[in-house]
Amino acid sequence: MGCGWLRELRGQLTSCWSRTLFRMEHVQSNPSVMTGKPVIARTRIAVENILERLAAGESINRIVFEQPRLTRNAVLKAIEFDAKLRR
C-alpha cells in the first residue's frame, strides 16, 4: 500500500507552515491585541489601518512619518500580507 497521500499532505503542511512563519515574523494576530486583527509585529498598528490610509491616497512616506514605530519595509510587508491573503 502506497503512502503517496501522506507525502502530499506533508508537502501541503510544510507550505502552510512557511506561509505562517512569514506572517509571524512581520504581521501578528493575537486575540488580546486589537481584538485579534493582524498588526505589524511589536506594534498595535493594524494592517487594516495601513491599507485604508494607502487606499485614501496617503503615501508610504507620509504614513511612516506620522507613525515613527513603522518602517517603509513594515508598510510593504502589510501590503504583501494582504496580497497573500487574497490569493
N, C-alpha and C. Protein backbone atom coordinates (compact mmCIF):
# COMPACT_ATOMS: atom_id res chain seq x y z
N MET A 1 0.85 -1.18 0.00
CA MET A 1 0.00 0.00 0.00
C MET A 1 0.89 1.24 0.00
N GLY A 2 0.63 2.17 -0.91
CA GLY A 2 1.46 3.37 -1.04
C GLY A 2 1.11 4.44 -0.02
N CYS A 3 2.07 5.29 0.21
CA CYS A 3 1.87 6.40 1.16
C CYS A 3 1.96 7.73 0.43
N GLY A 4 1.60 7.75 -0.85
CA GLY A 4 1.65 8.99 -1.62
C GLY A 4 0.81 10.09 -1.00
N TRP A 5 -0.34 9.72 -0.47
CA TRP A 5 -1.22 10.72 0.14
C TRP A 5 -0.56 11.37 1.34
N LEU A 6 0.27 10.56 2.06
CA LEU A 6 0.95 11.10 3.25
C LEU A 6 2.02 12.11 2.83
N ARG A 7 2.77 11.79 1.77
CA ARG A 7 3.78 12.72 1.27
C ARG A 7 3.13 14.01 0.77
N GLU A 8 2.00 13.87 0.10
CA GLU A 8 1.28 15.05 -0.40
C GLU A 8 0.81 15.92 0.77
N LEU A 9 0.26 15.29 1.78
CA LEU A 9 -0.21 16.03 2.97
C LEU A 9 0.96 16.72 3.65
N ARG A 10 2.08 16.03 3.77
CA ARG A 10 3.27 16.61 4.41
C ARG A 10 3.73 17.84 3.63
N GLY A 11 3.69 17.76 2.29
CA GLY A 11 4.07 18.91 1.46
C GLY A 11 3.13 20.09 1.67
N GLN A 12 1.84 19.81 1.76
CA GLN A 12 0.86 20.88 1.99
C GLN A 12 1.08 21.53 3.35
N LEU A 13 1.35 20.72 4.36
CA LEU A 13 1.58 21.26 5.71
C LEU A 13 2.84 22.10 5.75
N THR A 14 3.88 21.65 5.05
CA THR A 14 5.13 22.42 5.00
C THR A 14 4.89 23.77 4.34
N SER A 15 4.13 23.77 3.25
CA SER A 15 3.82 25.02 2.56
C SER A 15 3.03 25.96 3.48
N CYS A 16 2.05 25.42 4.15
CA CYS A 16 1.23 26.21 5.08
C CYS A 16 2.10 26.76 6.21
N TRP A 17 2.99 25.95 6.74
CA TRP A 17 3.87 26.37 7.83
C TRP A 17 4.76 27.51 7.37
N SER A 18 5.28 27.44 6.14
CA SER A 18 6.13 28.51 5.62
C SER A 18 5.36 29.82 5.54
N ARG A 19 4.12 29.77 5.06
CA ARG A 19 3.31 30.99 4.99
C ARG A 19 3.04 31.53 6.39
N THR A 20 2.81 30.64 7.36
CA THR A 20 2.55 31.06 8.73
C THR A 20 3.78 31.73 9.32
N LEU A 21 4.97 31.20 9.05
CA LEU A 21 6.19 31.82 9.56
C LEU A 21 6.34 33.23 9.02
N PHE A 22 6.00 33.44 7.74
CA PHE A 22 6.06 34.79 7.18
C PHE A 22 5.17 35.72 7.99
N ARG A 23 3.97 35.28 8.25
CA ARG A 23 3.01 36.11 8.98
C ARG A 23 3.51 36.41 10.39
N MET A 24 4.07 35.41 11.04
CA MET A 24 4.51 35.59 12.42
C MET A 24 5.70 36.54 12.50
N GLU A 25 6.54 36.57 11.48
CA GLU A 25 7.72 37.40 11.53
C GLU A 25 7.39 38.88 11.36
N HIS A 26 6.47 39.22 10.47
CA HIS A 26 6.20 40.62 10.15
C HIS A 26 4.82 41.09 10.59
N VAL A 27 3.87 40.22 10.52
CA VAL A 27 2.49 40.55 10.87
C VAL A 27 2.01 39.52 11.88
N GLN A 28 1.41 40.00 12.95
CA GLN A 28 0.96 39.09 14.00
C GLN A 28 -0.51 39.30 14.29
N SER A 29 -1.11 38.25 14.81
CA SER A 29 -2.51 38.33 15.24
C SER A 29 -2.61 37.68 16.60
N ASN A 30 -3.13 38.42 17.56
CA ASN A 30 -3.24 37.94 18.92
C ASN A 30 -4.58 38.44 19.46
N PRO A 31 -5.42 37.56 19.97
CA PRO A 31 -6.74 37.98 20.45
C PRO A 31 -6.70 39.11 21.49
N SER A 32 -5.60 39.23 22.22
CA SER A 32 -5.52 40.27 23.25
C SER A 32 -4.95 41.59 22.71
N VAL A 33 -4.60 41.63 21.43
CA VAL A 33 -4.08 42.85 20.83
C VAL A 33 -5.00 43.24 19.68
N MET A 34 -5.62 44.39 19.78
CA MET A 34 -6.51 44.91 18.72
C MET A 34 -7.58 43.88 18.33
N THR A 35 -8.11 43.22 19.31
CA THR A 35 -9.17 42.19 19.13
C THR A 35 -8.82 41.15 18.08
N GLY A 36 -7.53 40.83 17.98
CA GLY A 36 -7.10 39.77 17.07
C GLY A 36 -6.85 40.20 15.64
N LYS A 37 -7.02 41.48 15.34
CA LYS A 37 -6.74 41.95 13.97
C LYS A 37 -5.25 41.80 13.69
N PRO A 38 -4.88 41.49 12.44
CA PRO A 38 -3.45 41.44 12.10
C PRO A 38 -2.81 42.81 12.30
N VAL A 39 -1.70 42.82 13.01
CA VAL A 39 -0.96 44.06 13.28
C VAL A 39 0.50 43.86 12.87
N ILE A 40 1.19 44.98 12.67
CA ILE A 40 2.62 44.91 12.43
C ILE A 40 3.27 44.42 13.72
N ALA A 41 4.19 43.47 13.59
CA ALA A 41 4.83 42.86 14.76
C ALA A 41 5.40 43.92 15.69
N ARG A 42 5.21 43.69 16.97
CA ARG A 42 5.70 44.56 18.05
C ARG A 42 5.11 45.96 18.03
N THR A 43 3.93 46.11 17.43
CA THR A 43 3.21 47.39 17.47
C THR A 43 1.73 47.07 17.65
N ARG A 44 0.94 48.10 17.78
CA ARG A 44 -0.51 47.95 17.77
C ARG A 44 -1.09 48.62 16.53
N ILE A 45 -0.31 48.65 15.49
CA ILE A 45 -0.73 49.28 14.24
C ILE A 45 -1.32 48.20 13.34
N ALA A 46 -2.62 48.29 13.12
CA ALA A 46 -3.33 47.27 12.35
C ALA A 46 -3.02 47.39 10.86
N VAL A 47 -2.85 46.23 10.23
CA VAL A 47 -2.64 46.18 8.79
C VAL A 47 -3.79 46.88 8.09
N GLU A 48 -4.99 46.66 8.58
CA GLU A 48 -6.19 47.27 8.02
C GLU A 48 -6.06 48.80 7.96
N ASN A 49 -5.54 49.40 9.02
CA ASN A 49 -5.40 50.86 9.06
C ASN A 49 -4.39 51.36 8.03
N ILE A 50 -3.30 50.62 7.87
CA ILE A 50 -2.29 50.99 6.88
C ILE A 50 -2.91 50.95 5.48
N LEU A 51 -3.62 49.86 5.19
CA LEU A 51 -4.22 49.70 3.87
C LEU A 51 -5.28 50.76 3.60
N GLU A 52 -6.06 51.12 4.61
CA GLU A 52 -7.06 52.17 4.45
C GLU A 52 -6.41 53.51 4.12
N ARG A 53 -5.32 53.81 4.78
CA ARG A 53 -4.62 55.07 4.52
C ARG A 53 -4.04 55.10 3.11
N LEU A 54 -3.48 53.98 2.69
CA LEU A 54 -2.96 53.90 1.33
C LEU A 54 -4.09 54.06 0.31
N ALA A 55 -5.21 53.40 0.57
CA ALA A 55 -6.36 53.50 -0.33
C ALA A 55 -6.90 54.92 -0.41
N ALA A 56 -6.74 55.68 0.68
CA ALA A 56 -7.20 57.07 0.70
C ALA A 56 -6.22 58.01 0.00
N GLY A 57 -5.11 57.46 -0.48
CA GLY A 57 -4.17 58.27 -1.24
C GLY A 57 -2.93 58.72 -0.49
N GLU A 58 -2.80 58.33 0.76
CA GLU A 58 -1.60 58.72 1.50
C GLU A 58 -0.39 57.95 0.98
N SER A 59 0.75 58.57 1.00
CA SER A 59 1.98 57.92 0.55
C SER A 59 2.57 57.10 1.69
N ILE A 60 3.40 56.15 1.31
CA ILE A 60 4.10 55.35 2.32
C ILE A 60 4.95 56.26 3.19
N ASN A 61 5.63 57.22 2.57
CA ASN A 61 6.48 58.14 3.33
C ASN A 61 5.69 58.92 4.37
N ARG A 62 4.49 59.36 4.02
CA ARG A 62 3.64 60.11 4.95
C ARG A 62 3.23 59.23 6.13
N ILE A 63 2.83 58.00 5.84
CA ILE A 63 2.41 57.07 6.90
C ILE A 63 3.57 56.81 7.85
N VAL A 64 4.76 56.56 7.30
CA VAL A 64 5.94 56.29 8.14
C VAL A 64 6.30 57.53 8.96
N PHE A 65 6.18 58.71 8.36
CA PHE A 65 6.48 59.95 9.07
C PHE A 65 5.55 60.13 10.27
N GLU A 66 4.27 59.82 10.09
CA GLU A 66 3.29 60.01 11.16
C GLU A 66 3.27 58.87 12.17
N GLN A 67 3.84 57.75 11.83
CA GLN A 67 3.90 56.60 12.74
C GLN A 67 5.37 56.20 12.93
N PRO A 68 6.08 56.82 13.85
CA PRO A 68 7.52 56.58 14.00
C PRO A 68 7.90 55.11 14.25
N ARG A 69 6.98 54.32 14.76
CA ARG A 69 7.30 52.91 15.01
C ARG A 69 7.26 52.07 13.74
N LEU A 70 6.73 52.64 12.66
CA LEU A 70 6.66 51.94 11.38
C LEU A 70 7.89 52.24 10.54
N THR A 71 8.25 51.27 9.73
CA THR A 71 9.28 51.48 8.73
C THR A 71 8.64 51.31 7.36
N ARG A 72 9.34 51.76 6.36
CA ARG A 72 8.86 51.57 4.99
C ARG A 72 8.68 50.07 4.72
N ASN A 73 9.64 49.28 5.18
CA ASN A 73 9.56 47.83 4.98
C ASN A 73 8.32 47.24 5.65
N ALA A 74 7.96 47.73 6.82
CA ALA A 74 6.77 47.23 7.52
C ALA A 74 5.50 47.52 6.71
N VAL A 75 5.43 48.69 6.11
CA VAL A 75 4.27 49.03 5.27
C VAL A 75 4.22 48.10 4.06
N LEU A 76 5.37 47.87 3.45
CA LEU A 76 5.42 46.96 2.30
C LEU A 76 5.02 45.54 2.70
N LYS A 77 5.41 45.11 3.89
CA LYS A 77 5.04 43.78 4.37
C LYS A 77 3.53 43.70 4.63
N ALA A 78 2.94 44.79 5.07
CA ALA A 78 1.48 44.82 5.26
C ALA A 78 0.77 44.64 3.93
N ILE A 79 1.28 45.31 2.90
CA ILE A 79 0.70 45.16 1.56
C ILE A 79 0.87 43.73 1.08
N GLU A 80 2.06 43.19 1.26
CA GLU A 80 2.34 41.80 0.84
C GLU A 80 1.46 40.81 1.59
N PHE A 81 1.28 41.04 2.88
CA PHE A 81 0.43 40.17 3.69
C PHE A 81 -1.00 40.15 3.13
N ASP A 82 -1.53 41.32 2.84
CA ASP A 82 -2.88 41.42 2.29
C ASP A 82 -2.98 40.71 0.93
N ALA A 83 -1.97 40.90 0.11
CA ALA A 83 -1.98 40.26 -1.22
C ALA A 83 -1.96 38.75 -1.08
N LYS A 84 -1.19 38.22 -0.14
CA LYS A 84 -1.15 36.77 0.05
C LYS A 84 -2.49 36.23 0.55
N LEU A 85 -3.18 37.00 1.38
CA LEU A 85 -4.48 36.55 1.87
C LEU A 85 -5.52 36.51 0.77
N ARG A 86 -5.38 37.38 -0.22
CA ARG A 86 -6.36 37.47 -1.30
C ARG A 86 -6.18 36.41 -2.38
N ARG A 87 -5.08 35.67 -2.33
CA ARG A 87 -4.85 34.62 -3.34
C ARG A 87 -5.75 33.45 -3.13
